[in-house]
Amino acid sequence: MQKFCLALDLKNDPDLIAEYIEFHKNVWPEIQKSILDSGIISLEIYNVADRLFMIIEASSDFSFEEKAKRDAENPKIQEWETLMWQFQKALPEARTGEKWLLMDKIFELK
């Protein structure tokens, strides 16, 4: 099992943020299927103000690269991503076209 944490910002507009949250209350079935088919077992998104935080738990053979390849070939995923980009804003550190950034774990209580 692998665990990943990622961050992304939303455009700082309360109406857009509320709409983004509403979309995630009813994520399209094709999106959910794509997530599960890629080897992701659990995916959670948290929000505070205009910041998003995602936690992914995935099988040991999960690959972001493989998921990105499959997503690029899936018109429904591309439709969803285009729709979501209307609400999202890349972090300042992101490269062109990059959305969610993988976070580094800096502490764990054991």
Protein backbone atom coordinates (compact mmCIF):
# COMPACT_ATOMS: atom_id res chain seq x y z
CA MET A 1 0.00 0.00 0.00
CA GLN A 2 1.20 3.48 -0.89
CA LYS A 3 0.02 6.81 0.51
CA PHE A 4 0.31 10.15 -1.29
CA CYS A 5 -0.64 13.67 -0.24
CA LEU A 6 -1.12 16.38 -2.84
CA ALA A 7 -2.03 20.07 -2.81
CA LEU A 8 -3.74 22.45 -5.22
CA ASP A 9 -5.35 25.87 -4.93
CA LEU A 10 -8.75 27.07 -6.03
CA LYS A 11 -9.45 30.47 -7.49
CA ASN A 12 -10.13 32.72 -4.52
CA ASP A 13 -13.82 33.32 -5.21
CA PRO A 14 -16.38 32.06 -2.67
CA ASP A 15 -18.98 31.32 -5.37
CA LEU A 16 -16.52 29.28 -7.45
CA ILE A 17 -15.30 27.43 -4.35
CA ALA A 18 -18.89 26.56 -3.40
CA GLU A 19 -19.59 25.33 -6.93
CA TYR A 20 -16.41 23.22 -6.92
CA ILE A 21 -17.49 21.61 -3.64
CA GLU A 22 -20.95 20.89 -5.09
CA PHE A 23 -19.39 19.09 -8.08
CA HIS A 24 -17.49 16.89 -5.64
CA LYS A 25 -20.65 15.88 -3.82
CA ASN A 26 -21.71 14.12 -7.06
CA VAL A 27 -18.54 13.11 -8.86
CA TRP A 28 -19.34 11.57 -12.24
CA PRO A 29 -19.38 7.74 -12.18
CA GLU A 30 -16.82 7.60 -15.01
CA ILE A 31 -14.39 9.59 -12.87
CA GLN A 32 -14.88 7.32 -9.88
CA LYS A 33 -14.41 4.23 -12.06
CA SER A 34 -11.20 5.63 -13.55
CA ILE A 35 -9.82 6.32 -10.08
CA LEU A 36 -10.57 2.81 -8.85
CA ASP A 37 -9.37 1.16 -12.08
CA SER A 38 -5.98 2.89 -11.71
CA GLY A 39 -5.25 1.14 -8.42
CA ILE A 40 -6.36 3.90 -6.10
CA ILE A 41 -8.12 2.32 -3.14
CA SER A 42 -9.08 5.46 -1.24
CA LEU A 43 -9.08 9.14 -2.22
CA GLU A 44 -10.08 12.05 0.01
CA ILE A 45 -10.05 15.77 -0.73
CA TYR A 46 -10.06 18.38 2.02
CA ASN A 47 -10.62 22.11 1.67
CA VAL A 48 -9.74 25.20 3.68
CA ALA A 49 -10.36 28.62 2.11
CA ASP A 50 -8.88 28.32 -1.40
CA ARG A 51 -6.51 25.42 -0.61
CA LEU A 52 -7.18 21.77 -1.44
CA PHE A 53 -5.44 18.78 0.11
CA MET A 54 -5.78 15.27 -1.34
CA ILE A 55 -4.90 11.99 0.35
CA ILE A 56 -4.56 8.91 -1.85
CA GLU A 57 -4.08 5.35 -0.71
CA ALA A 58 -3.14 3.09 -3.60
CA SER A 59 -2.02 -0.42 -4.38
CA SER A 60 1.70 -1.11 -4.53
CA ASP A 61 1.63 -1.15 -8.35
CA PHE A 62 -0.13 2.22 -8.71
CA SER A 63 1.67 4.71 -10.97
CA PHE A 64 0.86 8.38 -11.53
CA GLU A 65 2.44 8.09 -14.97
CA GLU A 66 0.21 5.16 -16.00
CA LYS A 67 -2.88 6.93 -14.67
CA ALA A 68 -1.96 10.09 -16.59
CA LYS A 69 -1.56 8.04 -19.81
CA ARG A 70 -4.97 6.41 -19.40
CA ASP A 71 -6.61 9.71 -18.44
CA ALA A 72 -5.20 11.42 -21.54
CA GLU A 73 -6.95 8.80 -23.69
CA ASN A 74 -10.30 9.06 -21.90
CA PRO A 75 -12.59 11.83 -23.27
CA LYS A 76 -14.82 11.83 -20.17
CA ILE A 77 -11.81 12.34 -17.88
CA GLN A 78 -10.60 15.16 -20.12
CA GLU A 79 -14.06 16.76 -19.99
CA TRP A 80 -14.02 16.60 -16.16
CA GLU A 81 -10.47 17.98 -15.96
CA THR A 82 -11.35 20.89 -18.26
CA LEU A 83 -14.42 21.63 -16.17
CA MET A 84 -12.47 21.49 -12.89
CA TRP A 85 -9.71 23.75 -14.24
CA GLN A 86 -12.27 26.57 -14.32
CA PHE A 87 -12.16 26.49 -10.51
CA GLN A 88 -8.56 25.44 -9.87
CA LYS A 89 -5.39 27.51 -9.76
CA ALA A 90 -1.94 25.97 -9.91
CA LEU A 91 0.40 26.50 -6.98
CA PRO A 92 3.19 29.00 -7.69
CA GLU A 93 5.74 26.14 -7.71
CA ALA A 94 3.88 24.18 -10.40
CA ARG A 95 5.31 23.73 -13.86
CA THR A 96 3.20 24.61 -16.89
CA GLY A 97 0.23 22.24 -17.14
CA GLU A 98 0.86 20.79 -13.68
CA LYS A 99 -2.06 20.75 -11.25
CA TRP A 100 -1.92 18.70 -8.08
CA LEU A 101 1.55 18.76 -6.51
CA LEU A 102 2.88 15.86 -4.50
CA MET A 103 3.69 16.89 -0.93
CA ASP A 104 6.68 15.69 1.10
CA LYS A 105 5.99 14.08 4.46
CA ILE A 106 7.89 15.99 7.13
CA PHE A 107 6.47 14.37 10.29
CA GLU A 108 4.75 11.21 11.43
CA LEU A 109 3.76 10.35 14.99
CA LYS A 110 4.35 6.69 15.72
